[in-house]
C-alpha atoms as a PDB file:
ATOM      1  CA  UNK A   1      77.222 162.189  38.951  1.00  0.00           C
ATOM      2  CA  UNK A   2      80.146 159.974  37.903  1.00  0.00           C
ATOM      3  CA  UNK A   3      83.287 161.880  37.003  1.00  0.00           C
ATOM      4  CA  UNK A   4      86.304 160.318  35.328  1.00  0.00           C
ATOM      5  CA  UNK A   5      89.967 161.039  34.883  1.00  0.00           C
ATOM      6  CA  UNK A   6      92.440 159.635  32.379  1.00  0.00           C
ATOM      7  CA  UNK A   7      96.107 158.904  33.046  1.00  0.00           C
ATOM      8  CA  UNK A   8      98.022 158.190  29.827  1.00  0.00           C
ATOM      9  CA  UNK A   9     101.430 156.640  30.489  1.00  0.00           C
ATOM     10  CA  UNK A  10     104.362 156.623  28.091  1.00  0.00           C
ATOM     11  CA  UNK A  11     107.613 158.421  27.366  1.00  0.00           C
ATOM     12  CA  UNK A  12     106.544 158.467  23.710  1.00  0.00           C
ATOM     13  CA  UNK A  13     103.511 160.597  24.609  1.00  0.00           C
ATOM     14  CA  UNK A  14     105.326 163.096  26.803  1.00  0.00           C
ATOM     15  CA  UNK A  15     108.220 163.294  24.333  1.00  0.00           C
ATOM     16  CA  UNK A  16     105.946 164.201  21.446  1.00  0.00           C
ATOM     17  CA  UNK A  17     106.754 161.084  19.430  1.00  0.00           C
ATOM     18  CA  UNK A  18     103.202 159.659  19.588  1.00  0.00           C
ATOM     19  CA  UNK A  19      99.910 161.547  19.523  1.00  0.00           C
ATOM     20  CA  UNK A  20      97.685 160.533  22.436  1.00  0.00           C
ATOM     21  CA  UNK A  21      94.642 159.494  20.408  1.00  0.00           C
ATOM     22  CA  UNK A  22      93.578 157.048  23.145  1.00  0.00           C
ATOM     23  CA  UNK A  23      92.691 159.808  25.597  1.00  0.00           C
ATOM     24  CA  UNK A  24      90.820 161.783  22.950  1.00  0.00           C
ATOM     25  CA  UNK A  25      88.795 158.708  21.986  1.00  0.00           C
ATOM     26  CA  UNK A  26      88.059 157.705  25.588  1.00  0.00           C
ATOM     27  CA  UNK A  27      87.072 161.249  26.569  1.00  0.00           C
ATOM     28  CA  UNK A  28      84.419 161.317  23.855  1.00  0.00           C
ATOM     29  CA  UNK A  29      83.106 157.848  24.704  1.00  0.00           C
ATOM     30  CA  UNK A  30      82.963 158.633  28.415  1.00  0.00           C
ATOM     31  CA  UNK A  31      81.108 161.892  27.801  1.00  0.00           C
ATOM     32  CA  UNK A  32      78.518 160.100  25.688  1.00  0.00           C
ATOM     33  CA  UNK A  33      78.142 157.396  28.341  1.00  0.00           C
ATOM     34  CA  UNK A  34      77.633 159.906  31.149  1.00  0.00           C
ATOM     35  CA  UNK A  35      81.077 159.634  32.755  1.00  0.00           C
ATOM     36  CA  UNK A  36      82.576 163.020  31.802  1.00  0.00           C
ATOM     37  CA  UNK A  37      86.274 163.711  32.196  1.00  0.00           C
ATOM     38  CA  UNK A  38      87.649 166.090  34.801  1.00  0.00           C
ATOM     39  CA  UNK A  39      91.233 165.925  33.533  1.00  0.00           C
ATOM     40  CA  UNK A  40      93.602 164.067  31.233  1.00  0.00           C
ATOM     41  CA  UNK A  41      97.181 163.619  32.433  1.00  0.00           C
ATOM     42  CA  UNK A  42     100.179 162.379  30.458  1.00  0.00           C
ATOM     43  CA  UNK A  43     103.137 161.061  32.437  1.00  0.00           C
ATOM     44  CA  UNK A  44     106.382 159.221  31.772  1.00  0.00           C
ATOM     45  CA  UNK A  45     107.113 155.535  32.301  1.00  0.00           C
ATOM     46  CA  UNK A  46     108.563 156.265  35.738  1.00  0.00           C
ATOM     47  CA  UNK A  47     107.295 154.181  38.672  1.00  0.00           C
ATOM     48  CA  UNK A  48     107.487 157.066  41.142  1.00  0.00           C
ATOM     49  CA  UNK A  49     105.499 159.326  38.813  1.00  0.00           C
ATOM     50  CA  UNK A  50     102.886 156.663  38.154  1.00  0.00           C
ATOM     51  CA  UNK A  51     102.482 156.071  41.896  1.00  0.00           C
ATOM     52  CA  UNK A  52     102.248 159.802  42.568  1.00  0.00           C
ATOM     53  CA  UNK A  53      99.576 160.302  39.902  1.00  0.00           C
ATOM     54  CA  UNK A  54      97.517 157.314  41.044  1.00  0.00           C
ATOM     55  CA  UNK A  55      97.535 158.691  44.591  1.00  0.00           C
ATOM     56  CA  UNK A  56      96.471 162.099  43.283  1.00  0.00           C
ATOM     57  CA  UNK A  57      93.515 160.586  41.449  1.00  0.00           C
ATOM     58  CA  UNK A  58      92.509 158.496  44.457  1.00  0.00           C
ATOM     59  CA  UNK A  59      92.629 161.553  46.716  1.00  0.00           C
ATOM     60  CA  UNK A  60      90.395 163.645  44.433  1.00  0.00           C
ATOM     61  CA  UNK A  61      86.909 163.604  45.933  1.00  0.00           C
ATOM     62  CA  UNK A  62      85.262 164.483  42.612  1.00  0.00           C
ATOM     63  CA  UNK A  63      86.726 161.593  40.631  1.00  0.00           C
ATOM     64  CA  UNK A  64      84.790 158.316  40.744  1.00  0.00           C
ATOM     65  CA  UNK A  65      86.462 156.400  37.899  1.00  0.00           C
ATOM     66  CA  UNK A  66      90.113 156.420  36.831  1.00  0.00           C
ATOM     67  CA  UNK A  67      91.231 155.187  33.405  1.00  0.00           C
ATOM     68  CA  UNK A  68      94.914 154.317  33.097  1.00  0.00           C
ATOM     69  CA  UNK A  69      96.330 153.386  29.698  1.00  0.00           C
ATOM     70  CA  UNK A  70      99.756 152.290  28.505  1.00  0.00           C
ATOM     71  CA  UNK A  71     102.785 150.533  29.928  1.00  0.00           C
ATOM     72  CA  UNK A  72     101.425 146.973  30.023  1.00  0.00           C
ATOM     73  CA  UNK A  73     103.665 145.417  27.367  1.00  0.00           C
ATOM     74  CA  UNK A  74     106.532 142.876  27.462  1.00  0.00           C
ATOM     75  CA  UNK A  75     109.564 145.180  27.675  1.00  0.00           C
ATOM     76  CA  UNK A  76     111.373 146.599  30.729  1.00  0.00           C
ATOM     77  CA  UNK A  77     109.988 150.098  30.146  1.00  0.00           C
ATOM     78  CA  UNK A  78     106.427 148.802  30.657  1.00  0.00           C
ATOM     79  CA  UNK A  79     106.057 149.494  34.371  1.00  0.00           C
ATOM     80  CA  UNK A  80     102.403 150.356  34.938  1.00  0.00           C
ATOM     81  CA  UNK A  81     101.253 147.195  36.726  1.00  0.00           C
ATOM     82  CA  UNK A  82     104.269 147.036  39.035  1.00  0.00           C
ATOM     83  CA  UNK A  83     103.888 150.728  39.940  1.00  0.00           C
ATOM     84  CA  UNK A  84     100.146 150.301  40.467  1.00  0.00           C
ATOM     85  CA  UNK A  85     100.796 147.347  42.789  1.00  0.00           C
ATOM     86  CA  UNK A  86     103.015 149.561  44.922  1.00  0.00           C
ATOM     87  CA  UNK A  87     100.528 152.444  44.823  1.00  0.00           C
ATOM     88  CA  UNK A  88      97.733 150.172  46.045  1.00  0.00           C
ATOM     89  CA  UNK A  89      99.858 148.236  48.534  1.00  0.00           C
ATOM     90  CA  UNK A  90      99.357 144.937  46.705  1.00  0.00           C
ATOM     91  CA  UNK A  91     101.681 142.113  45.698  1.00  0.00           C
ATOM     92  CA  UNK A  92     102.476 141.543  42.048  1.00  0.00           C
ATOM     93  CA  UNK A  93     101.247 138.066  41.101  1.00  0.00           C
ATOM     94  CA  UNK A  94     101.004 135.899  38.006  1.00  0.00           C
ATOM     95  CA  UNK A  95      97.359 135.797  36.943  1.00  0.00           C
ATOM     96  CA  UNK A  96      96.972 132.215  35.832  1.00  0.00           C
ATOM     97  CA  UNK A  97      94.122 132.746  33.383  1.00  0.00           C
ATOM     98  CA  UNK A  98      96.126 135.426  31.585  1.00  0.00           C
ATOM     99  CA  UNK A  99      99.272 133.292  31.589  1.00  0.00           C
ATOM    100  CA  UNK A 100      97.370 130.383  30.037  1.00  0.00           C
ATOM    101  CA  UNK A 101      95.822 132.676  27.431  1.00  0.00           C
ATOM    102  CA  UNK A 102      99.254 134.064  26.534  1.00  0.00           C
ATOM    103  CA  UNK A 103     100.624 130.539  26.210  1.00  0.00           C
ATOM    104  CA  UNK A 104      97.815 129.555  23.840  1.00  0.00           C
ATOM    105  CA  UNK A 105      98.354 132.667  21.747  1.00  0.00           C
ATOM    106  CA  UNK A 106     102.121 132.072  21.519  1.00  0.00           C
ATOM    107  CA  UNK A 107     101.561 128.478  20.420  1.00  0.00           C
ATOM    108  CA  UNK A 108      99.001 129.581  17.843  1.00  0.00           C
ATOM    109  CA  UNK A 109     101.344 132.245  16.465  1.00  0.00           C
ATOM    110  CA  UNK A 110     104.142 129.654  16.286  1.00  0.00           C
ATOM    111  CA  UNK A 111     101.921 127.261  14.320  1.00  0.00           C
ATOM    112  CA  UNK A 112     101.205 130.083  11.877  1.00  0.00           C
ATOM    113  CA  UNK A 113     104.929 130.708  11.405  1.00  0.00           C
ATOM    114  CA  UNK A 114     104.843 134.093  13.117  1.00  0.00           C
ATOM    115  CA  UNK A 115     107.098 133.035  16.014  1.00  0.00           C
ATOM    116  CA  UNK A 116     110.201 130.852  15.936  1.00  0.00           C
ATOM    117  CA  UNK A 117     109.483 129.124  19.250  1.00  0.00           C
ATOM    118  CA  UNK A 118     106.284 127.954  20.953  1.00  0.00           C
ATOM    119  CA  UNK A 119     107.831 128.680  24.358  1.00  0.00           C
ATOM    120  CA  UNK A 120     106.562 131.555  26.464  1.00  0.00           C
ATOM    121  CA  UNK A 121     109.379 134.074  26.940  1.00  0.00           C
ATOM    122  CA  UNK A 122     110.093 136.146  30.016  1.00  0.00           C
ATOM    123  CA  UNK A 123     108.728 139.146  28.104  1.00  0.00           C
ATOM    124  CA  UNK A 124     105.481 137.273  27.452  1.00  0.00           C
ATOM    125  CA  UNK A 125     105.271 136.097  31.037  1.00  0.00           C
ATOM    126  CA  UNK A 126     105.705 139.528  32.573  1.00  0.00           C
ATOM    127  CA  UNK A 127     102.463 140.643  30.884  1.00  0.00           C
ATOM    128  CA  UNK A 128     100.603 138.158  33.110  1.00  0.00           C
ATOM    129  CA  UNK A 129     102.012 139.733  36.302  1.00  0.00           C
ATOM    130  CA  UNK A 130      99.388 142.043  37.727  1.00  0.00           C
ATOM    131  CA  UNK A 131      98.552 143.485  41.159  1.00  0.00           C
ATOM    132  CA  UNK A 132      96.767 140.955  43.368  1.00  0.00           C
ATOM    133  CA  UNK A 133      93.016 141.002  44.039  1.00  0.00           C
ATOM    134  CA  UNK A 134      91.654 142.642  40.885  1.00  0.00           C
ATOM    135  CA  UNK A 135      87.927 143.288  40.804  1.00  0.00           C
ATOM    136  CA  UNK A 136      87.949 142.016  37.229  1.00  0.00           C
ATOM    137  CA  UNK A 137      90.462 140.986  34.548  1.00  0.00           C
ATOM    138  CA  UNK A 138      89.629 141.606  30.905  1.00  0.00           C
ATOM    139  CA  UNK A 139      90.319 139.107  28.154  1.00  0.00           C
ATOM    140  CA  UNK A 140      91.788 141.379  25.455  1.00  0.00           C
ATOM    141  CA  UNK A 141      90.922 139.448  22.308  1.00  0.00           C
ATOM    142  CA  UNK A 142      93.392 141.473  20.230  1.00  0.00           C
ATOM    143  CA  UNK A 143      96.587 141.184  22.243  1.00  0.00           C
ATOM    144  CA  UNK A 144      98.395 139.512  25.115  1.00  0.00           C
ATOM    145  CA  UNK A 145      98.450 142.256  27.741  1.00  0.00           C
ATOM    146  CA  UNK A 146      95.390 142.056  30.004  1.00  0.00           C
ATOM    147  CA  UNK A 147      93.280 144.936  31.170  1.00  0.00           C
ATOM    148  CA  UNK A 148      91.961 144.966  34.715  1.00  0.00           C
ATOM    149  CA  UNK A 149      89.830 146.825  37.256  1.00  0.00           C
ATOM    150  CA  UNK A 150      90.893 147.618  40.821  1.00  0.00           C
ATOM    151  CA  UNK A 151      88.864 149.245  43.551  1.00  0.00           C
ATOM    152  CA  UNK A 152      90.355 151.608  46.091  1.00  0.00           C
ATOM    153  CA  UNK A 153      89.081 154.504  48.188  1.00  0.00           C
ATOM    154  CA  UNK A 154      85.600 154.033  46.776  1.00  0.00           C
ATOM    155  CA  UNK A 155      86.820 154.460  43.193  1.00  0.00           C
ATOM    156  CA  UNK A 156      87.314 152.161  40.239  1.00  0.00           C
ATOM    157  CA  UNK A 157      90.660 152.053  38.457  1.00  0.00           C
ATOM    158  CA  UNK A 158      90.436 150.739  34.887  1.00  0.00           C
ATOM    159  CA  UNK A 159      93.844 149.677  33.571  1.00  0.00           C
ATOM    160  CA  UNK A 160      94.075 149.333  29.786  1.00  0.00           C
ATOM    161  CA  UNK A 161      96.748 148.561  27.178  1.00  0.00           C
ATOM    162  CA  UNK A 162      98.153 151.503  25.255  1.00  0.00           C
ATOM    163  CA  UNK A 163      97.825 149.840  21.832  1.00  0.00           C
ATOM    164  CA  UNK A 164      94.758 151.662  20.411  1.00  0.00           C
ATOM    165  CA  UNK A 165      93.181 148.574  18.820  1.00  0.00           C
ATOM    166  CA  UNK A 166      93.465 146.613  22.070  1.00  0.00           C
ATOM    167  CA  UNK A 167      92.280 149.491  24.256  1.00  0.00           C
ATOM    168  CA  UNK A 168      89.229 150.196  22.085  1.00  0.00           C
ATOM    169  CA  UNK A 169      88.340 146.511  21.895  1.00  0.00           C
ATOM    170  CA  UNK A 170      88.361 146.073  25.670  1.00  0.00           C
ATOM    171  CA  UNK A 171      86.516 149.354  26.200  1.00  0.00           C
ATOM    172  CA  UNK A 172      83.672 148.771  23.737  1.00  0.00           C
ATOM    173  CA  UNK A 173      83.264 145.008  24.170  1.00  0.00           C
ATOM    174  CA  UNK A 174      83.840 144.555  27.896  1.00  0.00           C
ATOM    175  CA  UNK A 175      83.811 147.847  29.816  1.00  0.00           C
ATOM    176  CA  UNK A 176      80.898 149.727  28.225  1.00  0.00           C
ATOM    177  CA  UNK A 177      78.232 147.016  28.456  1.00  0.00           C
ATOM    178  CA  UNK A 178      79.228 145.760  31.903  1.00  0.00           C
ATOM    179  CA  UNK A 179      80.615 148.650  33.911  1.00  0.00           C
ATOM    180  CA  UNK A 180      79.468 151.960  32.383  1.00  0.00           C
ATOM    181  CA  UNK A 181      75.695 151.655  32.273  1.00  0.00           C
ATOM    182  CA  UNK A 182      74.789 153.916  35.204  1.00  0.00           C
ATOM    183  CA  UNK A 183      75.828 157.227  33.667  1.00  0.00           C
ATOM    184  CA  UNK A 184      73.544 159.957  32.352  1.00  0.00           C
ATOM    185  CA  UNK A 185      74.906 161.672  29.262  1.00  0.00           C
ATOM    186  CA  UNK A 186      74.958 165.453  29.133  1.00  0.00           C
ATOM    187  CA  UNK A 187      72.963 167.386  26.534  1.00  0.00           C
ATOM    188  CA  UNK A 188      75.142 169.204  23.989  1.00  0.00           C
ATOM    189  CA  UNK A 189      73.909 172.001  21.729  1.00  0.00           C
ATOM    190  CA  UNK A 190      75.879 174.240  19.377  1.00  0.00           C
ATOM    191  CA  UNK A 191      75.409 177.490  17.500  1.00  0.00           C
ATOM    192  CA  UNK A 192      77.775 178.478  14.703  1.00  0.00           C
ATOM    193  CA  UNK A 193      78.486 182.043  13.641  1.00  0.00           C
ATOM    194  CA  UNK A 194      80.529 183.074  10.605  1.00  0.00           C
ATOM    195  CA  UNK A 195      83.077 185.890  10.901  1.00  0.00           C
ATOM    196  CA  UNK A 196      81.952 186.573  14.473  1.00  0.00           C
ATOM    197  CA  UNK A 197      84.249 188.368  16.923  1.00  0.00           C
ATOM    198  CA  UNK A 198      84.749 186.076  19.911  1.00  0.00           C
ATOM    199  CA  UNK A 199      85.487 188.874  22.389  1.00  0.00           C
ATOM    200  CA  UNK A 200      82.084 190.444  21.752  1.00  0.00           C
ATOM    201  CA  UNK A 201      80.416 187.374  23.291  1.00  0.00           C
ATOM    202  CA  UNK A 202      82.109 187.933  26.655  1.00  0.00           C
ATOM    203  CA  UNK A 203      79.333 189.991  28.354  1.00  0.00           C
ATOM    204  CA  UNK A 204      76.616 187.551  27.270  1.00  0.00           C
ATOM    205  CA  UNK A 205      78.589 184.495  28.326  1.00  0.00           C
ATOM    206  CA  UNK A 206      79.413 186.117  31.655  1.00  0.00           C
ATOM    207  CA  UNK A 207      75.710 186.738  32.220  1.00  0.00           C
ATOM    208  CA  UNK A 208      74.843 183.143  31.316  1.00  0.00           C
ATOM    209  CA  UNK A 209      77.316 181.874  33.921  1.00  0.00           C
ATOM    210  CA  UNK A 210      75.193 183.576  36.575  1.00  0.00           C
ATOM    211  CA  UNK A 211      71.717 182.864  35.209  1.00  0.00           C
ATOM    212  CA  UNK A 212      72.435 179.241  34.228  1.00  0.00           C
ATOM    213  CA  UNK A 213      74.993 178.010  36.797  1.00  0.00           C
ATOM    214  CA  UNK A 214      74.382 174.337  35.929  1.00  0.00           C
ATOM    215  CA  UNK A 215      75.095 174.888  32.242  1.00  0.00           C
ATOM    216  CA  UNK A 216      78.536 175.192  30.665  1.00  0.00           C
ATOM    217  CA  UNK A 217      78.897 177.695  27.815  1.00  0.00           C
ATOM    218  CA  UNK A 218      82.113 177.799  25.813  1.00  0.00           C
ATOM    219  CA  UNK A 219      83.347 179.571  22.682  1.00  0.00           C
ATOM    220  CA  UNK A 220      85.594 177.825  20.151  1.00  0.00           C
ATOM    221  CA  UNK A 221      86.888 179.726  17.115  1.00  0.00           C
ATOM    222  CA  UNK A 222      87.858 177.797  13.993  1.00  0.00           C
ATOM    223  CA  UNK A 223      90.270 179.922  12.001  1.00  0.00           C
ATOM    224  CA  UNK A 224      90.165 177.618   8.988  1.00  0.00           C
ATOM    225  CA  UNK A 225      86.397 177.764   8.479  1.00  0.00           C
ATOM    226  CA  UNK A 226      86.069 181.305   9.908  1.00  0.00           C
ATOM    227  CA  UNK A 227      83.392 179.994  12.265  1.00  0.00           C
ATOM    228  CA  UNK A 228      82.848 180.651  15.935  1.00  0.00           C
ATOM    229  CA  UNK A 229      81.208 177.710  17.703  1.00  0.00           C
ATOM    230  CA  UNK A 230      79.266 178.432  20.894  1.00  0.00           C
ATOM    231  CA  UNK A 231      78.752 175.130  22.706  1.00  0.00           C
ATOM    232  CA  UNK A 232      76.257 174.691  25.527  1.00  0.00           C
ATOM    233  CA  UNK A 233      76.472 171.596  27.742  1.00  0.00           C
ATOM    234  CA  UNK A 234      74.393 170.500  30.722  1.00  0.00           C
ATOM    235  CA  UNK A 235      72.533 167.622  32.322  1.00  0.00           C
ATOM    236  CA  UNK A 236      69.112 169.281  32.095  1.00  0.00           C
ATOM    237  CA  UNK A 237      68.025 169.511  28.415  1.00  0.00           C
ATOM    238  CA  UNK A 238      65.480 172.188  29.240  1.00  0.00           C
ATOM    239  CA  UNK A 239      68.061 174.509  30.774  1.00  0.00           C
ATOM    240  CA  UNK A 240      70.480 173.874  27.914  1.00  0.00           C
ATOM    241  CA  UNK A 241      67.819 174.807  25.367  1.00  0.00           C
ATOM    242  CA  UNK A 242      66.851 177.912  27.344  1.00  0.00           C
ATOM    243  CA  UNK A 243      70.450 179.109  27.453  1.00  0.00           C
ATOM    244  CA  UNK A 244      70.839 178.360  23.748  1.00  0.00           C
ATOM    245  CA  UNK A 245      67.768 180.425  22.950  1.00  0.00           C
ATOM    246  CA  UNK A 246      69.178 183.384  24.883  1.00  0.00           C
ATOM    247  CA  UNK A 247      72.345 183.196  22.813  1.00  0.00           C
ATOM    248  CA  UNK A 248      70.379 182.855  19.579  1.00  0.00           C
ATOM    249  CA  UNK A 249      68.313 185.975  20.369  1.00  0.00           C
ATOM    250  CA  UNK A 250      71.085 188.153  21.756  1.00  0.00           C
ATOM    251  CA  UNK A 251      74.179 187.082  19.853  1.00  0.00           C
ATOM    252  CA  UNK A 252      76.302 190.180  19.127  1.00  0.00           C
ATOM    253  CA  UNK A 253      76.654 189.545  15.390  1.00  0.00           C
END
């Protein structure tokens, strides 16, 4: 089945200045669409580290789809596209459709009094420089930086802006309906126990690992509500329900 990974790029994420809500949001959407996440990685805005991580994702035989977010803006610390070009062995080129769209947006913002000049700046222009030969370039109706898809080593690399509003817009309006329709969402069931001792569930969960190898069973204590959540996840609804019933009957509470 399809398996995804997320690479979130930004010094602000690694430094603890900004909470990575993008990855959390994408992980949920991808699970529901049937493209579950194998890992989420946060890295700095360093070309060598971006290249290294892209190569790692491309070399992972389990991963079919890679989602990269952040570092597409107009300032010198936005280095994702240039690093990706090097990682994929491609030239960095001006994508004319994106350049024209940026020019129209700048002129519109100038006419509204939001910009002093109608001229496209070097910062604006650098957002239209992307690795050559994309499989698809997204429009991004909410910002200037484009998103794009590249294909390499049998995998798809989705490159998205880090601004949450722009990322979510591209994802829901362009990626979901066009590129993420082949997945099969996993079945998720939960049981909640109040004042339960998590460690007492160990023998039962260990047994379920052996009797239901295609089902994932996890325990998640919530110390605020005093609840213990036992979550069962799997592709086969019948097996998930069977495992859930075993827990319901034999829960050590």
